[in-house]
PDB file of N, CA and C in Angstrom:
ATOM      1  N   MET A   1     -15.055 -17.547  36.799  1.00  0.00           N
ATOM      2  CA  MET A   1     -15.565 -16.476  36.326  1.00  0.00           C
ATOM      3  C   MET A   1     -15.853 -15.427  37.561  1.00  0.00           C
ATOM      4  N   ASN A   2     -15.671 -14.233  37.382  1.00  0.00           N
ATOM      5  CA  ASN A   2     -15.811 -13.328  38.357  1.00  0.00           C
ATOM      6  C   ASN A   2     -17.353 -13.048  38.280  1.00  0.00           C
ATOM      7  N   ASP A   3     -17.688 -12.083  39.306  1.00  0.00           N
ATOM      8  CA  ASP A   3     -19.165 -11.640  39.685  1.00  0.00           C
ATOM      9  C   ASP A   3     -19.381 -10.716  38.484  1.00  0.00           C
ATOM     10  N   GLU A   4     -18.511  -9.835  38.362  1.00  0.00           N
ATOM     11  CA  GLU A   4     -18.737  -8.554  37.390  1.00  0.00           C
ATOM     12  C   GLU A   4     -19.204  -9.316  36.212  1.00  0.00           C
ATOM     13  N   LYS A   5     -18.293 -10.104  35.557  1.00  0.00           N
ATOM     14  CA  LYS A   5     -18.577 -10.754  34.246  1.00  0.00           C
ATOM     15  C   LYS A   5     -19.959 -11.561  34.297  1.00  0.00           C
ATOM     16  N   LEU A   6     -20.028 -12.421  35.321  1.00  0.00           N
ATOM     17  CA  LEU A   6     -21.430 -12.986  35.265  1.00  0.00           C
ATOM     18  C   LEU A   6     -22.619 -12.182  35.136  1.00  0.00           C
ATOM     19  N   LEU A   7     -22.245 -10.772  35.817  1.00  0.00           N
ATOM     20  CA  LEU A   7     -23.610 -10.096  35.797  1.00  0.00           C
ATOM     21  C   LEU A   7     -23.550  -9.438  34.294  1.00  0.00           C
ATOM     22  N   LEU A   8     -22.652  -9.070  33.811  1.00  0.00           N
ATOM     23  CA  LEU A   8     -22.680  -8.435  32.515  1.00  0.00           C
ATOM     24  C   LEU A   8     -23.269  -9.453  31.475  1.00  0.00           C
ATOM     25  N   LEU A   9     -22.866 -10.626  31.573  1.00  0.00           N
ATOM     26  CA  LEU A   9     -23.458 -11.673  30.947  1.00  0.00           C
ATOM     27  C   LEU A   9     -24.936 -11.793  31.047  1.00  0.00           C
ATOM     28  N   PHE A  10     -25.373 -11.908  32.274  1.00  0.00           N
ATOM     29  CA  PHE A  10     -26.923 -11.832  32.469  1.00  0.00           C
ATOM     30  C   PHE A  10     -27.463 -10.761  31.878  1.00  0.00           C
ATOM     31  N   GLY A  11     -26.919  -9.584  32.245  1.00  0.00           N
ATOM     32  CA  GLY A  11     -27.572  -8.441  31.721  1.00  0.00           C
ATOM     33  C   GLY A  11     -27.614  -8.464  30.305  1.00  0.00           C
ATOM     34  N   ALA A  12     -26.664  -8.883  29.648  1.00  0.00           N
ATOM     35  CA  ALA A  12     -26.840  -8.914  27.888  1.00  0.00           C
ATOM     36  C   ALA A  12     -27.983 -10.035  27.533  1.00  0.00           C
ATOM     37  N   HIS A  13     -28.160 -11.001  28.331  1.00  0.00           N
ATOM     38  CA  HIS A  13     -29.126 -12.014  28.274  1.00  0.00           C
ATOM     39  C   HIS A  13     -30.618 -11.491  28.391  1.00  0.00           C
ATOM     40  N   VAL A  14     -30.543 -10.491  29.326  1.00  0.00           N
ATOM     41  CA  VAL A  14     -31.852  -9.852  29.447  1.00  0.00           C
ATOM     42  C   VAL A  14     -32.078  -8.891  28.561  1.00  0.00           C
ATOM     43  N   LYS A  15     -31.177  -8.230  28.018  1.00  0.00           N
ATOM     44  CA  LYS A  15     -31.556  -7.356  26.978  1.00  0.00           C
ATOM     45  C   LYS A  15     -31.753  -7.831  25.625  1.00  0.00           C
ATOM     46  N   SER A  16     -31.195  -9.196  25.325  1.00  0.00           N
ATOM     47  CA  SER A  16     -31.354  -9.809  24.195  1.00  0.00           C
ATOM     48  C   SER A  16     -32.933 -10.312  24.298  1.00  0.00           C
ATOM     49  N   LEU A  17     -33.450 -10.624  25.115  1.00  0.00           N
ATOM     50  CA  LEU A  17     -34.775 -11.348  25.629  1.00  0.00           C
ATOM     51  C   LEU A  17     -35.825 -10.018  25.133  1.00  0.00           C
ATOM     52  N   ARG A  18     -35.327  -8.998  25.892  1.00  0.00           N
ATOM     53  CA  ARG A  18     -36.244  -7.505  25.635  1.00  0.00           C
ATOM     54  C   ARG A  18     -36.383  -7.364  24.215  1.00  0.00           C
ATOM     55  N   LEU A  19     -35.307  -6.983  23.646  1.00  0.00           N
ATOM     56  CA  LEU A  19     -35.227  -6.754  22.252  1.00  0.00           C
ATOM     57  C   LEU A  19     -35.980  -8.033  21.227  1.00  0.00           C
ATOM     58  N   LYS A  20     -35.839  -9.306  21.536  1.00  0.00           N
ATOM     59  CA  LYS A  20     -36.497 -10.290  20.922  1.00  0.00           C
ATOM     60  C   LYS A  20     -38.075 -10.021  21.267  1.00  0.00           C
ATOM     61  N   ASN A  21     -38.361  -9.500  22.007  1.00  0.00           N
ATOM     62  CA  ASN A  21     -39.993  -9.237  22.469  1.00  0.00           C
ATOM     63  C   ASN A  21     -40.298  -7.934  22.053  1.00  0.00           C
ATOM     64  N   ASP A  22     -39.425  -7.193  21.423  1.00  0.00           N
ATOM     65  CA  ASP A  22     -39.772  -5.639  21.027  1.00  0.00           C
ATOM     66  C   ASP A  22     -40.303  -4.848  21.846  1.00  0.00           C
ATOM     67  N   VAL A  23     -39.707  -4.917  23.155  1.00  0.00           N
ATOM     68  CA  VAL A  23     -39.998  -4.260  24.343  1.00  0.00           C
ATOM     69  C   VAL A  23     -39.073  -3.325  24.702  1.00  0.00           C
ATOM     70  N   SER A  24     -39.394  -1.885  24.790  1.00  0.00           N
ATOM     71  CA  SER A  24     -38.390  -0.943  25.221  1.00  0.00           C
ATOM     72  C   SER A  24     -38.310  -1.168  26.760  1.00  0.00           C
ATOM     73  N   GLN A  25     -37.148  -0.431  27.428  1.00  0.00           N
ATOM     74  CA  GLN A  25     -36.671  -0.730  28.778  1.00  0.00           C
ATOM     75  C   GLN A  25     -38.029   0.113  29.600  1.00  0.00           C
ATOM     76  N   GLU A  26     -38.587   1.018  29.158  1.00  0.00           N
ATOM     77  CA  GLU A  26     -39.611   1.607  29.962  1.00  0.00           C
ATOM     78  C   GLU A  26     -40.838   0.559  29.859  1.00  0.00           C
ATOM     79  N   LYS A  27     -41.241   0.106  28.876  1.00  0.00           N
ATOM     80  CA  LYS A  27     -42.283  -0.970  28.732  1.00  0.00           C
ATOM     81  C   LYS A  27     -42.010  -1.966  29.623  1.00  0.00           C
ATOM     82  N   LEU A  28     -40.719  -2.674  29.755  1.00  0.00           N
ATOM     83  CA  LEU A  28     -40.452  -3.830  30.525  1.00  0.00           C
ATOM     84  C   LEU A  28     -40.543  -3.203  31.952  1.00  0.00           C
ATOM     85  N   ALA A  29     -40.279  -2.132  31.979  1.00  0.00           N
ATOM     86  CA  ALA A  29     -40.333  -1.776  33.703  1.00  0.00           C
ATOM     87  C   ALA A  29     -41.770  -1.544  33.998  1.00  0.00           C
ATOM     88  N   LEU A  30     -42.893  -0.890  33.125  1.00  0.00           N
ATOM     89  CA  LEU A  30     -44.132  -0.839  33.479  1.00  0.00           C
ATOM     90  C   LEU A  30     -44.720  -2.451  33.595  1.00  0.00           C
ATOM     91  N   LEU A  31     -44.362  -3.136  32.885  1.00  0.00           N
ATOM     92  CA  LEU A  31     -44.854  -4.501  32.607  1.00  0.00           C
ATOM     93  C   LEU A  31     -44.400  -5.495  34.091  1.00  0.00           C
ATOM     94  N   SER A  32     -43.116  -5.165  34.439  1.00  0.00           N
ATOM     95  CA  SER A  32     -42.741  -5.883  35.512  1.00  0.00           C
ATOM     96  C   SER A  32     -42.599  -5.054  36.781  1.00  0.00           C
ATOM     97  N   GLU A  33     -43.453  -3.890  36.748  1.00  0.00           N
ATOM     98  CA  GLU A  33     -43.496  -3.182  37.967  1.00  0.00           C
ATOM     99  C   GLU A  33     -41.895  -2.924  38.754  1.00  0.00           C
ATOM    100  N   LEU A  34     -41.018  -2.609  37.814  1.00  0.00           N
ATOM    101  CA  LEU A  34     -39.846  -2.193  38.216  1.00  0.00           C
ATOM    102  C   LEU A  34     -39.616  -0.710  37.702  1.00  0.00           C
ATOM    103  N   ASP A  35     -38.413  -0.169  38.198  1.00  0.00           N
ATOM    104  CA  ASP A  35     -37.933   1.306  37.820  1.00  0.00           C
ATOM    105  C   ASP A  35     -37.344   1.100  36.397  1.00  0.00           C
ATOM    106  N   ARG A  36     -37.298   1.887  35.519  1.00  0.00           N
ATOM    107  CA  ARG A  36     -36.527   1.985  34.226  1.00  0.00           C
ATOM    108  C   ARG A  36     -35.105   1.811  34.335  1.00  0.00           C
ATOM    109  N   THR A  37     -34.536   2.641  35.481  1.00  0.00           N
ATOM    110  CA  THR A  37     -33.204   2.723  35.784  1.00  0.00           C
ATOM    111  C   THR A  37     -32.621   1.379  36.309  1.00  0.00           C
ATOM    112  N   TYR A  38     -33.559   0.752  36.933  1.00  0.00           N
ATOM    113  CA  TYR A  38     -33.297  -0.646  37.599  1.00  0.00           C
ATOM    114  C   TYR A  38     -33.113  -1.547  36.316  1.00  0.00           C
ATOM    115  N   ILE A  39     -34.084  -1.514  35.389  1.00  0.00           N
ATOM    116  CA  ILE A  39     -33.843  -2.361  34.140  1.00  0.00           C
ATOM    117  C   ILE A  39     -32.467  -2.036  33.636  1.00  0.00           C
ATOM    118  N   SER A  40     -32.212  -0.794  33.213  1.00  0.00           N
ATOM    119  CA  SER A  40     -31.051  -0.370  32.628  1.00  0.00           C
ATOM    120  C   SER A  40     -29.883  -1.012  33.433  1.00  0.00           C
ATOM    121  N   GLY A  41     -29.823  -0.947  34.941  1.00  0.00           N
ATOM    122  CA  GLY A  41     -28.590  -1.429  35.675  1.00  0.00           C
ATOM    123  C   GLY A  41     -28.578  -2.931  35.326  1.00  0.00           C
ATOM    124  N   ILE A  42     -29.396  -3.529  35.276  1.00  0.00           N
ATOM    125  CA  ILE A  42     -29.457  -4.884  35.081  1.00  0.00           C
ATOM    126  C   ILE A  42     -28.812  -5.319  33.797  1.00  0.00           C
ATOM    127  N   GLU A  43     -29.046  -4.607  32.607  1.00  0.00           N
ATOM    128  CA  GLU A  43     -28.695  -4.864  31.447  1.00  0.00           C
ATOM    129  C   GLU A  43     -27.394  -4.276  31.350  1.00  0.00           C
ATOM    130  N   ARG A  44     -26.886  -3.239  32.111  1.00  0.00           N
ATOM    131  CA  ARG A  44     -25.498  -2.846  32.177  1.00  0.00           C
ATOM    132  C   ARG A  44     -24.646  -3.647  33.006  1.00  0.00           C
ATOM    133  N   GLY A  45     -25.164  -4.753  33.805  1.00  0.00           N
ATOM    134  CA  GLY A  45     -24.466  -5.617  34.852  1.00  0.00           C
ATOM    135  C   GLY A  45     -24.108  -4.875  35.896  1.00  0.00           C
ATOM    136  N   LYS A  46     -25.007  -3.811  36.288  1.00  0.00           N
ATOM    137  CA  LYS A  46     -24.621  -3.266  37.554  1.00  0.00           C
ATOM    138  C   LYS A  46     -25.468  -3.561  38.674  1.00  0.00           C
ATOM    139  N   ARG A  47     -26.500  -4.444  38.394  1.00  0.00           N
ATOM    140  CA  ARG A  47     -27.388  -5.048  39.278  1.00  0.00           C
ATOM    141  C   ARG A  47     -27.465  -6.434  39.697  1.00  0.00           C
ATOM    142  N   ASN A  48     -27.391  -6.816  40.805  1.00  0.00           N
ATOM    143  CA  ASN A  48     -27.547  -8.303  41.126  1.00  0.00           C
ATOM    144  C   ASN A  48     -28.987  -8.577  41.815  1.00  0.00           C
ATOM    145  N   ILE A  49     -29.794  -9.087  40.784  1.00  0.00           N
ATOM    146  CA  ILE A  49     -31.160  -8.984  41.248  1.00  0.00           C
ATOM    147  C   ILE A  49     -31.595  -9.897  41.918  1.00  0.00           C
ATOM    148  N   SER A  50     -32.834  -9.777  42.923  1.00  0.00           N
ATOM    149  CA  SER A  50     -33.568 -10.743  43.622  1.00  0.00           C
ATOM    150  C   SER A  50     -34.302 -11.762  42.975  1.00  0.00           C
ATOM    151  N   LEU A  51     -34.515 -12.882  43.816  1.00  0.00           N
ATOM    152  CA  LEU A  51     -35.576 -13.854  42.917  1.00  0.00           C
ATOM    153  C   LEU A  51     -36.685 -13.279  42.867  1.00  0.00           C
ATOM    154  N   LEU A  52     -37.235 -12.455  43.500  1.00  0.00           N
ATOM    155  CA  LEU A  52     -38.573 -11.845  43.126  1.00  0.00           C
ATOM    156  C   LEU A  52     -38.590 -10.901  41.983  1.00  0.00           C
ATOM    157  N   ASN A  53     -37.527 -10.363  41.826  1.00  0.00           N
ATOM    158  CA  ASN A  53     -37.363  -9.628  40.423  1.00  0.00           C
ATOM    159  C   ASN A  53     -37.087 -10.374  39.540  1.00  0.00           C
ATOM    160  N   ILE A  54     -36.580 -11.506  39.555  1.00  0.00           N
ATOM    161  CA  ILE A  54     -36.338 -12.623  38.370  1.00  0.00           C
ATOM    162  C   ILE A  54     -37.660 -12.983  37.937  1.00  0.00           C
ATOM    163  N   ILE A  55     -38.443 -13.243  39.040  1.00  0.00           N
ATOM    164  CA  ILE A  55     -39.821 -13.707  38.635  1.00  0.00           C
ATOM    165  C   ILE A  55     -40.720 -12.681  37.956  1.00  0.00           C
ATOM    166  N   LYS A  56     -40.632 -11.455  38.234  1.00  0.00           N
ATOM    167  CA  LYS A  56     -41.394 -10.203  37.797  1.00  0.00           C
ATOM    168  C   LYS A  56     -40.814 -10.310  36.344  1.00  0.00           C
ATOM    169  N   LEU A  57     -39.542 -10.381  35.950  1.00  0.00           N
ATOM    170  CA  LEU A  57     -38.850  -9.783  34.560  1.00  0.00           C
ATOM    171  C   LEU A  57     -39.104 -11.137  33.858  1.00  0.00           C
ATOM    172  N   SER A  58     -39.071 -12.311  34.520  1.00  0.00           N
ATOM    173  CA  SER A  58     -39.406 -13.384  33.270  1.00  0.00           C
ATOM    174  C   SER A  58     -40.978 -13.675  33.062  1.00  0.00           C
ATOM    175  N   ALA A  59     -42.066 -13.222  33.962  1.00  0.00           N
ATOM    176  CA  ALA A  59     -43.233 -13.216  33.548  1.00  0.00           C
ATOM    177  C   ALA A  59     -43.530 -12.086  32.333  1.00  0.00           C
ATOM    178  N   SER A  60     -42.644 -10.903  32.485  1.00  0.00           N
ATOM    179  CA  SER A  60     -42.964  -9.770  31.732  1.00  0.00           C
ATOM    180  C   SER A  60     -42.232  -9.844  30.222  1.00  0.00           C
ATOM    181  N   LEU A  61     -41.318 -10.719  30.350  1.00  0.00           N
ATOM    182  CA  LEU A  61     -40.656 -11.249  29.102  1.00  0.00           C
ATOM    183  C   LEU A  61     -41.199 -12.611  28.315  1.00  0.00           C
ATOM    184  N   ASN A  62     -42.261 -13.104  29.035  1.00  0.00           N
ATOM    185  CA  ASN A  62     -42.820 -14.497  28.584  1.00  0.00           C
ATOM    186  C   ASN A  62     -41.883 -15.378  28.640  1.00  0.00           C
ATOM    187  N   VAL A  63     -41.075 -15.744  29.579  1.00  0.00           N
ATOM    188  CA  VAL A  63     -40.085 -16.671  29.562  1.00  0.00           C
ATOM    189  C   VAL A  63     -40.097 -17.462  31.099  1.00  0.00           C
ATOM    190  N   THR A  64     -40.018 -18.695  31.159  1.00  0.00           N
ATOM    191  CA  THR A  64     -39.770 -19.196  32.559  1.00  0.00           C
ATOM    192  C   THR A  64     -38.710 -18.634  33.454  1.00  0.00           C
ATOM    193  N   PRO A  65     -38.677 -18.575  34.750  1.00  0.00           N
ATOM    194  CA  PRO A  65     -37.527 -18.269  35.447  1.00  0.00           C
ATOM    195  C   PRO A  65     -36.386 -18.840  35.005  1.00  0.00           C
ATOM    196  N   ALA A  66     -36.381 -20.177  34.753  1.00  0.00           N
ATOM    197  CA  ALA A  66     -35.511 -21.156  34.577  1.00  0.00           C
ATOM    198  C   ALA A  66     -34.655 -20.523  32.936  1.00  0.00           C
ATOM    199  N   MET A  67     -35.530 -20.069  32.106  1.00  0.00           N
ATOM    200  CA  MET A  67     -35.040 -19.660  30.772  1.00  0.00           C
ATOM    201  C   MET A  67     -34.121 -18.276  30.826  1.00  0.00           C
ATOM    202  N   LEU A  68     -34.755 -17.426  32.022  1.00  0.00           N
ATOM    203  CA  LEU A  68     -34.171 -16.152  32.178  1.00  0.00           C
ATOM    204  C   LEU A  68     -32.681 -16.295  32.622  1.00  0.00           C
ATOM    205  N   LEU A  69     -32.472 -17.556  33.287  1.00  0.00           N
ATOM    206  CA  LEU A  69     -31.290 -17.771  33.931  1.00  0.00           C
ATOM    207  C   LEU A  69     -30.629 -18.726  33.312  1.00  0.00           C
ATOM    208  N   THR A  70     -30.749 -19.137  32.024  1.00  0.00           N
ATOM    209  CA  THR A  70     -30.044 -19.930  31.080  1.00  0.00           C
ATOM    210  C   THR A  70     -29.516 -18.944  30.111  1.00  0.00           C
ATOM    211  N   PHE A  71     -28.118 -18.910  30.297  1.00  0.00           N
ATOM    212  CA  PHE A  71     -27.362 -17.996  28.975  1.00  0.00           C
ATOM    213  C   PHE A  71     -26.092 -18.514  29.018  1.00  0.00           C
ATOM    214  N   ASN A  72     -25.558 -18.117  27.891  1.00  0.00           N
ATOM    215  CA  ASN A  72     -23.968 -18.452  27.711  1.00  0.00           C
ATOM    216  C   ASN A  72     -23.124 -17.684  28.889  1.00  0.00           C
ATOM    217  N   MET A  73     -22.505 -18.670  29.382  1.00  0.00           N
ATOM    218  CA  MET A  73     -21.402 -18.369  30.476  1.00  0.00           C
ATOM    219  C   MET A  73     -19.849 -18.370  30.004  1.00  0.00           C
ATOM    220  N   GLU A  74     -19.985 -18.629  28.863  1.00  0.00           N
ATOM    221  CA  GLU A  74     -18.721 -18.553  28.119  1.00  0.00           C
ATOM    222  C   GLU A  74     -17.977 -17.048  27.932  1.00  0.00           C
ATOM    223  N   GLU A  75     -16.556 -17.028  28.136  1.00  0.00           N
ATOM    224  CA  GLU A  75     -16.037 -15.706  28.011  1.00  0.00           C
ATOM    225  C   GLU A  75     -16.390 -14.998  26.803  1.00  0.00           C
ATOM    226  N   GLN A  76     -16.772 -14.019  26.672  1.00  0.00           N
ATOM    227  CA  GLN A  76     -16.925 -13.261  25.098  1.00  0.00           C
ATOM    228  C   GLN A  76     -15.865 -12.266  25.157  1.00  0.00           C
ATOM    229  N   ASN A  77     -15.154 -12.126  23.855  1.00  0.00           N
ATOM    230  CA  ASN A  77     -13.980 -11.158  23.726  1.00  0.00           C
ATOM    231  C   ASN A  77     -14.396  -9.778  23.659  1.00  0.00           C
ATOM    232  N   ASP A  78     -15.720  -9.663  23.227  1.00  0.00           N
ATOM    233  CA  ASP A  78     -16.272  -8.389  23.032  1.00  0.00           C
ATOM    234  C   ASP A  78     -16.655  -7.488  24.043  1.00  0.00           C
ATOM    235  N   ARG A  79     -16.373  -7.943  25.267  1.00  0.00           N
ATOM    236  CA  ARG A  79     -16.865  -7.199  26.660  1.00  0.00           C
ATOM    237  C   ARG A  79     -15.675  -6.746  27.204  1.00  0.00           C
TER     238      ARG A  79
END
């Protein structure tokens, strides 16, 4: 799997967790002390985030870092 595809899948996972928590990008940005445009970039697969930001996001989404990194890496036809 190429890097771009992996980032897209991770971004989709972050977005699904955010929506499951009924949190806007703006609210997630405030909770995680990250910029809203950075959150948007993650969800669009444009950002390769650091370990420290994984920790911030997972805490803000009420999941463990392991859960944030556990997502379906299967190729999806709709992307």
